[in-house]
């Protein structure tokens, strides 16, 4: 099962990052990657750095499992749990790609203060202000359940913290500065990750 987890992780990276980047370059001439923002040690910087760590740890988990360098978590290392992981991963991957394509030319990773992209509020963005991040969570959990270990769980936790920080201290403040009252009204009616939860007052 660790082999399937590793292949699934590579598939996710290829489709959600590689393919989407190529499409963005063809559409706009730019990759969409803005890098880690903020000075080292700030919350903005920590969000980006922790996201990179989460990606690395998530990839390392099945590799370490295949090399017998980590023990599987006994309570989770079962067929039913593995099957649930496959389903969660597949749904998360599909939702990630759907949300990415819904962003169109506005898709990017990270924030460039000088850039002003369109505010996307329809499709999956009518249900969640951050549907890509929301979809990454079940995909990550699914991968961890396919090859459950302490390292895999640590990768999921790192991703959760990174996404919370990225949204709260980087993305939302930037979108408020960029779109003002329009984003404030949108954030007041649409939940942060899931419908109705995390709406701004």
N, C-alpha and C. Protein backbone atom coordinates (compact mmCIF):
# COMPACT_ATOMS: atom_id res chain seq x y z
N UNK A 1 0.82 -1.21 0.00
CA UNK A 1 0.00 0.00 0.00
C UNK A 1 0.86 1.27 0.00
N UNK A 2 2.05 1.18 0.58
CA UNK A 2 2.95 2.34 0.58
C UNK A 2 3.35 2.71 -0.85
N UNK A 3 3.48 1.70 -1.72
CA UNK A 3 3.81 1.97 -3.12
C UNK A 3 2.69 2.77 -3.79
N UNK A 4 1.44 2.37 -3.53
CA UNK A 4 0.30 3.09 -4.10
C UNK A 4 0.25 4.52 -3.55
N UNK A 5 0.55 4.67 -2.26
CA UNK A 5 0.55 6.00 -1.66
C UNK A 5 1.60 6.89 -2.33
N UNK A 6 2.78 6.34 -2.57
CA UNK A 6 3.85 7.11 -3.20
C UNK A 6 3.47 7.49 -4.64
N UNK A 7 2.95 6.53 -5.39
CA UNK A 7 2.54 6.81 -6.77
C UNK A 7 1.41 7.84 -6.79
N UNK A 8 0.49 7.76 -5.84
CA UNK A 8 -0.61 8.72 -5.75
C UNK A 8 -0.09 10.11 -5.44
N UNK A 9 0.90 10.18 -4.55
CA UNK A 9 1.48 11.47 -4.19
C UNK A 9 2.16 12.10 -5.41
N UNK A 10 2.90 11.30 -6.15
CA UNK A 10 3.57 11.79 -7.36
C UNK A 10 2.52 12.26 -8.37
N UNK A 11 1.43 11.51 -8.52
CA UNK A 11 0.35 11.90 -9.43
C UNK A 11 -0.22 13.25 -9.03
N UNK A 12 -0.42 13.45 -7.73
CA UNK A 12 -0.95 14.72 -7.23
C UNK A 12 -0.01 15.87 -7.58
N UNK A 13 1.28 15.68 -7.32
CA UNK A 13 2.25 16.72 -7.61
C UNK A 13 2.30 17.05 -9.10
N UNK A 14 2.26 16.01 -9.93
CA UNK A 14 2.33 16.20 -11.37
C UNK A 14 1.11 16.96 -11.89
N UNK A 15 -0.08 16.57 -11.43
CA UNK A 15 -1.30 17.19 -11.94
C UNK A 15 -1.57 18.56 -11.31
N UNK A 16 -1.53 18.61 -9.97
CA UNK A 16 -1.93 19.83 -9.27
C UNK A 16 -0.88 20.93 -9.34
N UNK A 17 0.38 20.57 -9.48
CA UNK A 17 1.43 21.57 -9.55
C UNK A 17 2.05 21.64 -10.95
N UNK A 18 2.50 20.51 -11.45
CA UNK A 18 3.18 20.50 -12.74
C UNK A 18 2.29 20.87 -13.91
N UNK A 19 1.21 20.12 -14.11
CA UNK A 19 0.31 20.37 -15.24
C UNK A 19 -0.33 21.75 -15.13
N UNK A 20 -0.76 22.11 -13.91
CA UNK A 20 -1.43 23.41 -13.75
C UNK A 20 -0.46 24.56 -14.03
N UNK A 21 0.80 24.37 -13.68
CA UNK A 21 1.80 25.40 -13.96
C UNK A 21 2.01 25.55 -15.46
N UNK A 22 2.09 24.45 -16.18
CA UNK A 22 2.25 24.50 -17.63
C UNK A 22 1.07 25.20 -18.29
N UNK A 23 -0.14 24.91 -17.82
CA UNK A 23 -1.33 25.57 -18.37
C UNK A 23 -1.28 27.06 -18.09
N UNK A 24 -0.85 27.43 -16.89
CA UNK A 24 -0.76 28.85 -16.53
C UNK A 24 0.26 29.58 -17.41
N UNK A 25 1.38 28.93 -17.68
CA UNK A 25 2.39 29.54 -18.54
C UNK A 25 1.84 29.76 -19.95
N UNK A 26 1.12 28.79 -20.46
CA UNK A 26 0.55 28.92 -21.80
C UNK A 26 -0.50 30.02 -21.85
N UNK A 27 -1.26 30.17 -20.76
CA UNK A 27 -2.32 31.18 -20.74
C UNK A 27 -1.79 32.59 -20.54
N UNK A 28 -0.83 32.72 -19.62
CA UNK A 28 -0.43 34.06 -19.18
C UNK A 28 1.04 34.39 -19.43
N UNK A 29 1.86 33.40 -19.73
CA UNK A 29 3.29 33.62 -19.88
C UNK A 29 4.03 33.58 -18.56
N UNK A 30 3.32 33.40 -17.45
CA UNK A 30 3.95 33.33 -16.12
C UNK A 30 3.54 32.02 -15.45
N UNK A 31 4.39 31.53 -14.55
CA UNK A 31 4.16 30.23 -13.92
C UNK A 31 3.08 30.27 -12.85
N UNK A 32 2.86 31.43 -12.24
CA UNK A 32 1.90 31.51 -11.13
C UNK A 32 2.55 31.33 -9.78
N UNK A 33 3.82 30.94 -9.74
CA UNK A 33 4.54 30.76 -8.48
C UNK A 33 5.09 32.12 -8.02
N UNK A 34 4.69 32.52 -6.82
CA UNK A 34 5.13 33.80 -6.27
C UNK A 34 6.14 33.63 -5.15
N UNK A 35 6.38 32.41 -4.72
CA UNK A 35 7.38 32.16 -3.69
C UNK A 35 6.85 32.39 -2.28
N UNK A 36 7.73 32.23 -1.32
CA UNK A 36 7.38 32.43 0.09
C UNK A 36 7.47 33.91 0.40
N UNK A 37 6.39 34.47 0.95
CA UNK A 37 6.38 35.91 1.24
C UNK A 37 6.79 36.18 2.68
N UNK A 38 7.14 37.43 2.94
CA UNK A 38 7.50 37.83 4.30
C UNK A 38 8.96 37.60 4.64
N UNK A 39 9.43 38.31 5.65
CA UNK A 39 10.80 38.14 6.13
C UNK A 39 10.91 36.86 6.94
N UNK A 40 12.05 36.17 6.91
CA UNK A 40 12.24 34.97 7.72
C UNK A 40 11.88 35.22 9.18
N UNK A 41 11.09 34.32 9.72
CA UNK A 41 10.66 34.43 11.11
C UNK A 41 9.29 35.03 11.29
N UNK A 42 8.76 35.71 10.26
CA UNK A 42 7.42 36.28 10.37
C UNK A 42 6.37 35.20 10.12
N UNK A 43 5.12 35.50 10.47
CA UNK A 43 4.03 34.54 10.27
C UNK A 43 3.84 34.25 8.78
N UNK A 44 4.00 35.28 7.94
CA UNK A 44 3.87 35.08 6.50
C UNK A 44 4.92 34.10 5.98
N UNK A 45 6.15 34.30 6.42
CA UNK A 45 7.23 33.41 6.01
C UNK A 45 7.01 32.00 6.54
N UNK A 46 6.58 31.91 7.79
CA UNK A 46 6.35 30.59 8.40
C UNK A 46 5.28 29.81 7.65
N UNK A 47 4.24 30.49 7.19
CA UNK A 47 3.18 29.81 6.44
C UNK A 47 3.74 29.14 5.19
N UNK A 48 4.55 29.88 4.42
CA UNK A 48 5.12 29.33 3.20
C UNK A 48 6.14 28.24 3.49
N UNK A 49 7.00 28.48 4.49
CA UNK A 49 8.03 27.50 4.83
C UNK A 49 7.40 26.20 5.33
N UNK A 50 6.35 26.33 6.13
CA UNK A 50 5.70 25.14 6.67
C UNK A 50 4.98 24.37 5.57
N UNK A 51 4.47 25.09 4.57
CA UNK A 51 3.83 24.42 3.43
C UNK A 51 4.86 23.57 2.68
N UNK A 52 6.05 24.12 2.47
CA UNK A 52 7.12 23.37 1.80
C UNK A 52 7.50 22.15 2.63
N UNK A 53 7.61 22.32 3.95
CA UNK A 53 7.92 21.21 4.85
C UNK A 53 6.85 20.13 4.75
N UNK A 54 5.57 20.55 4.74
CA UNK A 54 4.47 19.59 4.67
C UNK A 54 4.53 18.77 3.38
N UNK A 55 4.84 19.43 2.26
CA UNK A 55 4.96 18.72 0.99
C UNK A 55 6.09 17.70 1.06
N UNK A 56 7.22 18.11 1.61
CA UNK A 56 8.38 17.22 1.71
C UNK A 56 8.08 16.03 2.63
N UNK A 57 7.49 16.30 3.81
CA UNK A 57 7.19 15.23 4.77
C UNK A 57 6.15 14.29 4.20
N UNK A 58 5.14 14.84 3.52
CA UNK A 58 4.12 13.99 2.90
C UNK A 58 4.70 13.04 1.87
N UNK A 59 5.68 13.52 1.12
CA UNK A 59 6.34 12.68 0.13
C UNK A 59 7.25 11.66 0.81
N UNK A 60 7.93 12.10 1.87
CA UNK A 60 8.89 11.23 2.56
C UNK A 60 8.20 10.06 3.26
N UNK A 61 6.96 10.26 3.73
CA UNK A 61 6.28 9.24 4.53
C UNK A 61 6.19 7.89 3.81
N UNK A 62 5.65 7.82 2.57
CA UNK A 62 5.59 6.51 1.91
C UNK A 62 6.97 5.98 1.51
N UNK A 63 7.91 6.90 1.22
CA UNK A 63 9.27 6.46 0.90
C UNK A 63 9.89 5.76 2.10
N UNK A 64 9.74 6.36 3.28
CA UNK A 64 10.28 5.76 4.50
C UNK A 64 9.57 4.44 4.82
N UNK A 65 8.26 4.39 4.53
CA UNK A 65 7.51 3.15 4.77
C UNK A 65 8.02 2.04 3.86
N UNK A 66 8.26 2.37 2.60
CA UNK A 66 8.77 1.37 1.66
C UNK A 66 10.15 0.88 2.06
N UNK A 67 10.94 1.75 2.67
CA UNK A 67 12.30 1.38 3.10
C UNK A 67 12.31 0.74 4.48
N UNK A 68 11.12 0.53 5.07
CA UNK A 68 10.98 -0.05 6.41
C UNK A 68 11.71 0.78 7.47
N UNK A 69 11.70 2.11 7.29
CA UNK A 69 12.35 2.99 8.25
C UNK A 69 11.36 3.61 9.23
N UNK A 70 10.06 3.41 8.97
CA UNK A 70 9.02 3.83 9.92
C UNK A 70 8.04 2.68 10.09
N UNK A 71 7.52 2.57 11.30
CA UNK A 71 6.54 1.53 11.60
C UNK A 71 5.14 2.01 11.24
N UNK A 72 4.33 1.15 10.61
CA UNK A 72 2.93 1.54 10.36
C UNK A 72 2.17 1.65 11.68
N UNK A 73 1.22 2.57 11.73
CA UNK A 73 0.39 2.71 12.92
C UNK A 73 -0.62 1.56 12.95
N UNK A 74 -0.46 0.68 13.89
CA UNK A 74 -1.24 -0.55 13.93
C UNK A 74 -2.74 -0.37 13.83
N UNK A 75 -3.27 0.60 14.57
CA UNK A 75 -4.72 0.81 14.57
C UNK A 75 -5.26 1.29 13.24
N UNK A 76 -4.40 1.88 12.41
CA UNK A 76 -4.85 2.41 11.12
C UNK A 76 -4.39 1.57 9.94
N UNK A 77 -3.50 0.63 10.17
CA UNK A 77 -2.93 -0.16 9.07
C UNK A 77 -3.84 -1.34 8.76
N UNK A 78 -5.01 -1.02 8.22
CA UNK A 78 -6.03 -2.05 7.94
C UNK A 78 -6.63 -1.79 6.57
N UNK A 79 -7.19 -2.84 5.99
CA UNK A 79 -7.76 -2.74 4.64
C UNK A 79 -8.84 -1.69 4.50
N UNK A 80 -9.76 -1.64 5.47
CA UNK A 80 -10.84 -0.65 5.40
C UNK A 80 -10.33 0.77 5.47
N UNK A 81 -9.32 1.00 6.31
CA UNK A 81 -8.73 2.34 6.43
C UNK A 81 -8.00 2.70 5.14
N UNK A 82 -7.28 1.74 4.56
CA UNK A 82 -6.59 1.99 3.30
C UNK A 82 -7.59 2.34 2.19
N UNK A 83 -8.71 1.61 2.15
CA UNK A 83 -9.74 1.88 1.13
C UNK A 83 -10.32 3.28 1.31
N UNK A 84 -10.57 3.66 2.57
CA UNK A 84 -11.08 5.01 2.84
C UNK A 84 -10.06 6.06 2.39
N UNK A 85 -8.78 5.75 2.59
CA UNK A 85 -7.73 6.67 2.15
C UNK A 85 -7.73 6.85 0.65
N UNK A 86 -7.91 5.76 -0.09
CA UNK A 86 -7.95 5.85 -1.56
C UNK A 86 -9.10 6.73 -2.01
N UNK A 87 -10.27 6.54 -1.40
CA UNK A 87 -11.45 7.34 -1.76
C UNK A 87 -11.23 8.81 -1.44
N UNK A 88 -10.72 9.10 -0.24
CA UNK A 88 -10.46 10.49 0.15
C UNK A 88 -9.46 11.15 -0.78
N UNK A 89 -8.40 10.41 -1.11
CA UNK A 89 -7.40 10.97 -2.02
C UNK A 89 -8.00 11.28 -3.38
N UNK A 90 -8.76 10.33 -3.94
CA UNK A 90 -9.35 10.52 -5.27
C UNK A 90 -10.29 11.73 -5.28
N UNK A 91 -11.12 11.84 -4.24
CA UNK A 91 -12.04 12.98 -4.16
C UNK A 91 -11.27 14.29 -3.99
N UNK A 92 -10.24 14.26 -3.15
CA UNK A 92 -9.44 15.46 -2.93
C UNK A 92 -8.71 15.91 -4.18
N UNK A 93 -8.15 14.96 -4.92
CA UNK A 93 -7.45 15.29 -6.16
C UNK A 93 -8.43 15.89 -7.18
N UNK A 94 -9.58 15.25 -7.35
CA UNK A 94 -10.56 15.76 -8.31
C UNK A 94 -11.03 17.15 -7.92
N UNK A 95 -11.30 17.37 -6.64
CA UNK A 95 -11.76 18.68 -6.18
C UNK A 95 -10.67 19.74 -6.32
N UNK A 96 -9.42 19.35 -6.09
CA UNK A 96 -8.30 20.29 -6.26
C UNK A 96 -8.22 20.76 -7.70
N UNK A 97 -8.25 19.82 -8.63
CA UNK A 97 -8.13 20.17 -10.05
C UNK A 97 -9.31 21.01 -10.51
N UNK A 98 -10.51 20.66 -10.05
CA UNK A 98 -11.70 21.41 -10.43
C UNK A 98 -11.60 22.86 -9.95
N UNK A 99 -11.17 23.04 -8.70
CA UNK A 99 -11.05 24.39 -8.14
C UNK A 99 -9.94 25.17 -8.83
N UNK A 100 -8.83 24.50 -9.14
CA UNK A 100 -7.73 25.18 -9.83
C UNK A 100 -8.18 25.70 -11.20
N UNK A 101 -8.88 24.88 -11.95
CA UNK A 101 -9.32 25.30 -13.27
C UNK A 101 -10.39 26.38 -13.19
N UNK A 102 -11.19 26.36 -12.10
CA UNK A 102 -12.20 27.40 -11.92
C UNK A 102 -11.56 28.77 -11.71
N UNK A 103 -10.33 28.80 -11.21
CA UNK A 103 -9.63 30.07 -11.00
C UNK A 103 -9.19 30.72 -12.30
N UNK A 104 -9.06 29.92 -13.35
CA UNK A 104 -8.63 30.48 -14.62
C UNK A 104 -7.26 31.12 -14.52
N UNK A 105 -7.12 32.30 -15.12
CA UNK A 105 -5.83 33.00 -15.14
C UNK A 105 -5.47 33.58 -13.78
N UNK A 106 -6.41 33.58 -12.82
CA UNK A 106 -6.13 34.13 -11.49
C UNK A 106 -5.37 33.15 -10.61
N UNK A 107 -5.19 31.91 -11.07
CA UNK A 107 -4.49 30.91 -10.26
C UNK A 107 -3.05 31.32 -10.02
N UNK A 108 -2.60 31.16 -8.77
CA UNK A 108 -1.20 31.38 -8.44
C UNK A 108 -0.91 30.72 -7.10
N UNK A 109 0.36 30.54 -6.81
CA UNK A 109 0.79 30.00 -5.51
C UNK A 109 1.62 31.09 -4.84
N UNK A 110 1.11 31.59 -3.73
CA UNK A 110 1.77 32.70 -3.05
C UNK A 110 1.16 34.02 -3.47
N UNK A 111 1.71 35.11 -2.95
CA UNK A 111 1.14 36.45 -3.15
C UNK A 111 2.21 37.40 -3.65
N UNK A 112 1.84 38.18 -4.64
CA UNK A 112 2.67 39.28 -5.13
C UNK A 112 1.86 40.55 -4.91
N UNK A 113 2.32 41.41 -3.99
CA UNK A 113 1.56 42.60 -3.62
C UNK A 113 1.28 43.52 -4.81
N UNK A 114 2.14 43.48 -5.82
CA UNK A 114 1.95 44.37 -6.97
C UNK A 114 0.96 43.81 -7.98
N UNK A 115 0.54 42.56 -7.79
CA UNK A 115 -0.32 41.90 -8.77
C UNK A 115 -1.78 42.06 -8.39
N UNK A 116 -2.63 42.27 -9.38
CA UNK A 116 -4.07 42.37 -9.16
C UNK A 116 -4.77 41.41 -10.11
N UNK A 117 -5.19 40.26 -9.59
CA UNK A 117 -5.92 39.28 -10.40
C UNK A 117 -7.41 39.44 -10.13
N UNK A 118 -8.23 38.86 -11.00
CA UNK A 118 -9.68 38.91 -10.80
C UNK A 118 -10.06 38.14 -9.55
N UNK A 119 -11.08 38.61 -8.85
CA UNK A 119 -11.61 37.90 -7.69
C UNK A 119 -12.63 36.88 -8.19
N UNK A 120 -12.33 35.61 -8.01
CA UNK A 120 -13.20 34.52 -8.47
C UNK A 120 -14.17 34.16 -7.35
N UNK A 121 -15.47 34.25 -7.64
CA UNK A 121 -16.49 33.98 -6.60
C UNK A 121 -17.55 32.99 -7.06
N UNK A 122 -17.39 32.41 -8.24
CA UNK A 122 -18.39 31.47 -8.73
C UNK A 122 -17.84 30.05 -8.74
N UNK A 123 -18.65 29.11 -9.20
CA UNK A 123 -18.24 27.69 -9.19
C UNK A 123 -17.97 27.24 -7.77
N UNK A 124 -16.89 26.49 -7.55
CA UNK A 124 -16.58 26.02 -6.19
C UNK A 124 -16.29 27.18 -5.23
N UNK A 125 -15.93 28.34 -5.76
CA UNK A 125 -15.65 29.50 -4.92
C UNK A 125 -16.92 30.14 -4.36
N UNK A 126 -18.08 29.69 -4.84
CA UNK A 126 -19.34 30.14 -4.26
C UNK A 126 -19.66 29.36 -2.99
N UNK A 127 -18.97 28.24 -2.78
CA UNK A 127 -19.19 27.41 -1.59
C UNK A 127 -18.08 27.58 -0.56
N UNK A 128 -16.87 27.86 -1.03
CA UNK A 128 -15.70 27.99 -0.16
C UNK A 128 -14.79 29.07 -0.72
N UNK A 129 -14.25 29.92 0.18
CA UNK A 129 -13.33 30.95 -0.29
C UNK A 129 -11.99 30.35 -0.70
N UNK A 130 -11.70 29.16 -0.20
CA UNK A 130 -10.42 28.50 -0.47
C UNK A 130 -10.63 27.04 -0.86
N UNK A 131 -11.34 26.78 -1.97
CA UNK A 131 -11.65 25.39 -2.31
C UNK A 131 -10.43 24.54 -2.66
N UNK A 132 -9.37 25.17 -3.17
CA UNK A 132 -8.17 24.39 -3.48
C UNK A 132 -7.55 23.89 -2.18
N UNK A 133 -7.37 24.78 -1.21
CA UNK A 133 -6.82 24.38 0.08
C UNK A 133 -7.74 23.37 0.76
N UNK A 134 -9.05 23.62 0.67
CA UNK A 134 -10.01 22.70 1.30
C UNK A 134 -9.90 21.30 0.70
N UNK A 135 -9.65 21.23 -0.61
CA UNK A 135 -9.54 19.93 -1.28
C UNK A 135 -8.21 19.25 -0.97
N UNK A 136 -7.18 20.04 -0.69
CA UNK A 136 -5.88 19.46 -0.37
C UNK A 136 -5.94 18.67 0.94
N UNK A 137 -6.83 19.05 1.83
CA UNK A 137 -6.90 18.40 3.15
C UNK A 137 -7.35 16.94 3.03
N UNK A 138 -8.51 16.64 2.39
CA UNK A 138 -8.86 15.21 2.25
C UNK A 138 -7.86 14.43 1.42
N UNK A 139 -7.26 15.08 0.41
CA UNK A 139 -6.24 14.38 -0.37
C UNK A 139 -5.06 13.99 0.51
N UNK A 140 -4.63 14.91 1.37
CA UNK A 140 -3.50 14.65 2.27
C UNK A 140 -3.85 13.59 3.30
N UNK A 141 -5.05 13.69 3.87
CA UNK A 141 -5.49 12.69 4.84
C UNK A 141 -5.57 11.32 4.17
N UNK A 142 -6.10 11.29 2.96
CA UNK A 142 -6.20 10.03 2.23
C UNK A 142 -4.85 9.38 2.00
N UNK A 143 -3.87 10.17 1.62
CA UNK A 143 -2.52 9.64 1.42
C UNK A 143 -1.95 9.09 2.72
N UNK A 144 -2.20 9.79 3.83
CA UNK A 144 -1.71 9.33 5.13
C UNK A 144 -2.37 8.02 5.54
N UNK A 145 -3.65 7.86 5.22
CA UNK A 145 -4.36 6.63 5.58
C UNK A 145 -3.94 5.44 4.71
N UNK A 146 -3.44 5.73 3.52
CA UNK A 146 -2.98 4.66 2.64
C UNK A 146 -1.70 4.02 3.16
N UNK A 147 -0.87 4.83 3.82
CA UNK A 147 0.37 4.33 4.41
C UNK A 147 0.57 5.03 5.76
N UNK A 148 -0.28 4.66 6.74
CA UNK A 148 -0.29 5.41 8.01
C UNK A 148 0.97 5.19 8.85
N UNK A 149 1.56 6.32 9.26
CA UNK A 149 2.74 6.29 10.12
C UNK A 149 2.78 7.62 10.86
N UNK A 150 3.66 7.70 11.85
CA UNK A 150 3.83 8.95 12.57
C UNK A 150 4.26 10.06 11.62
N UNK A 151 5.13 9.73 10.67
CA UNK A 151 5.60 10.73 9.71
C UNK A 151 4.45 11.22 8.82
N UNK A 152 3.60 10.29 8.37
CA UNK A 152 2.47 10.67 7.52
C UNK A 152 1.51 11.60 8.27
N UNK A 153 1.23 11.27 9.54
CA UNK A 153 0.34 12.11 10.34
C UNK A 153 0.97 13.47 10.58
N UNK A 154 2.28 13.50 10.80
CA UNK A 154 2.98 14.77 10.99
C UNK A 154 2.88 15.64 9.73
N UNK A 155 2.94 15.03 8.57
CA UNK A 155 2.79 15.77 7.32
C UNK A 155 1.42 16.41 7.19
N UNK A 156 0.38 15.66 7.58
CA UNK A 156 -0.98 16.20 7.53
C UNK A 156 -1.12 17.38 8.49
N UNK A 157 -0.61 17.23 9.71
CA UNK A 157 -0.70 18.30 10.70
C UNK A 157 0.05 19.54 10.24
N UNK A 158 1.23 19.35 9.66
CA UNK A 158 2.01 20.48 9.15
C UNK A 158 1.24 21.20 8.05
N UNK A 159 0.58 20.43 7.18
CA UNK A 159 -0.21 21.04 6.11
C UNK A 159 -1.37 21.84 6.67
N UNK A 160 -2.08 21.29 7.66
CA UNK A 160 -3.21 22.00 8.26
C UNK A 160 -2.78 23.33 8.84
N UNK A 161 -1.68 23.33 9.59
CA UNK A 161 -1.20 24.58 10.18
C UNK A 161 -0.76 25.55 9.09
N UNK A 162 -0.06 25.05 8.08
CA UNK A 162 0.41 25.90 6.99
C UNK A 162 -0.76 26.56 6.26
N UNK A 163 -1.80 25.79 5.98
CA UNK A 163 -2.95 26.34 5.26
C UNK A 163 -3.68 27.38 6.09
N UNK A 164 -3.85 27.11 7.38
CA UNK A 164 -4.51 28.09 8.26
C UNK A 164 -3.72 29.40 8.27
N UNK A 165 -2.41 29.30 8.44
CA UNK A 165 -1.58 30.50 8.45
C UNK A 165 -1.62 31.20 7.10
N UNK A 166 -1.49 30.46 6.02
CA UNK A 166 -1.47 31.06 4.69
C UNK A 166 -2.76 31.84 4.43
N UNK A 167 -3.87 31.24 4.79
CA UNK A 167 -5.16 31.89 4.54
C UNK A 167 -5.35 33.11 5.44
N UNK A 168 -5.06 32.96 6.74
CA UNK A 168 -5.37 34.03 7.69
C UNK A 168 -4.40 35.19 7.66
N UNK A 169 -3.10 34.92 7.47
CA UNK A 169 -2.13 36.02 7.58
C UNK A 169 -1.54 36.45 6.23
N UNK A 170 -1.80 35.69 5.17
CA UNK A 170 -1.26 36.06 3.86
C UNK A 170 -2.38 36.34 2.86
N UNK A 171 -3.18 35.32 2.55
CA UNK A 171 -4.17 35.43 1.48
C UNK A 171 -5.28 36.44 1.79
N UNK A 172 -5.95 36.28 2.94
CA UNK A 172 -7.09 37.15 3.23
C UNK A 172 -6.71 38.62 3.37
N UNK A 173 -5.64 38.95 4.10
CA UNK A 173 -5.24 40.37 4.16
C UNK A 173 -4.91 40.93 2.78
N UNK A 174 -4.24 40.13 1.94
CA UNK A 174 -3.91 40.58 0.59
C UNK A 174 -5.18 40.83 -0.23
N UNK A 175 -6.12 39.89 -0.16
CA UNK A 175 -7.35 40.04 -0.93
C UNK A 175 -8.17 41.23 -0.46
N UNK A 176 -8.15 41.52 0.83
CA UNK A 176 -8.83 42.71 1.34
C UNK A 176 -8.18 43.98 0.80
N UNK A 177 -6.85 43.99 0.78
CA UNK A 177 -6.16 45.16 0.24
C UNK A 177 -6.41 45.30 -1.26
N UNK A 178 -6.45 44.18 -1.96
CA UNK A 178 -6.58 44.21 -3.42
C UNK A 178 -8.00 44.49 -3.89
N UNK A 179 -8.99 43.94 -3.18
CA UNK A 179 -10.38 44.03 -3.65
C UNK A 179 -11.31 44.78 -2.72
N UNK A 180 -10.83 45.15 -1.53
CA UNK A 180 -11.60 46.00 -0.64
C UNK A 180 -12.97 45.47 -0.28
N UNK A 181 -13.98 46.33 -0.46
CA UNK A 181 -15.34 46.02 -0.02
C UNK A 181 -15.91 44.81 -0.75
N UNK A 182 -15.48 44.59 -1.98
CA UNK A 182 -16.00 43.44 -2.74
C UNK A 182 -15.58 42.13 -2.08
N UNK A 183 -14.32 42.05 -1.67
CA UNK A 183 -13.88 40.83 -1.00
C UNK A 183 -14.52 40.73 0.38
N UNK A 184 -14.65 41.84 1.09
CA UNK A 184 -15.27 41.82 2.42
C UNK A 184 -16.69 41.28 2.35
N UNK A 185 -17.45 41.70 1.34
CA UNK A 185 -18.82 41.22 1.18
C UNK A 185 -18.84 39.74 0.82
N UNK A 186 -17.92 39.33 -0.05
CA UNK A 186 -17.81 37.92 -0.43
C UNK A 186 -17.46 37.06 0.79
N UNK A 187 -16.49 37.52 1.59
CA UNK A 187 -16.05 36.77 2.77
C UNK A 187 -17.12 36.72 3.84
N UNK A 188 -18.04 37.66 3.82
CA UNK A 188 -19.12 37.68 4.82
C UNK A 188 -20.21 36.66 4.49
N UNK A 189 -20.28 36.24 3.23
CA UNK A 189 -21.35 35.29 2.86
C UNK A 189 -20.84 33.88 2.55
N UNK A 190 -19.52 33.72 2.35
CA UNK A 190 -18.97 32.40 1.98
C UNK A 190 -17.95 31.96 3.02
N UNK A 191 -18.03 30.70 3.43
CA UNK A 191 -17.15 30.17 4.46
C UNK A 191 -15.71 30.06 4.00
N UNK A 192 -14.80 30.02 4.97
CA UNK A 192 -13.36 30.00 4.68
C UNK A 192 -12.95 28.71 3.95
N UNK A 193 -13.31 27.57 4.50
CA UNK A 193 -12.97 26.29 3.88
C UNK A 193 -14.21 25.47 3.52
N UNK A 194 -15.20 25.48 4.40
CA UNK A 194 -16.44 24.73 4.15
C UNK A 194 -17.60 25.70 4.18
N UNK A 195 -18.70 25.37 3.50
CA UNK A 195 -19.83 26.29 3.42
C UNK A 195 -20.32 26.74 4.80
N UNK A 196 -20.46 28.04 4.96
CA UNK A 196 -21.06 28.62 6.15
C UNK A 196 -20.15 28.73 7.37
N UNK A 197 -18.97 28.16 7.32
CA UNK A 197 -18.06 28.18 8.49
C UNK A 197 -16.88 29.10 8.20
N UNK A 198 -16.62 30.02 9.12
CA UNK A 198 -15.48 30.92 8.94
C UNK A 198 -15.80 32.16 8.14
N UNK A 199 -17.08 32.52 8.05
CA UNK A 199 -17.42 33.76 7.36
C UNK A 199 -16.95 34.95 8.19
N UNK A 200 -16.48 36.00 7.50
CA UNK A 200 -16.01 37.19 8.19
C UNK A 200 -17.19 38.04 8.64
N UNK A 201 -17.10 38.60 9.83
CA UNK A 201 -18.18 39.44 10.35
C UNK A 201 -18.25 40.73 9.54
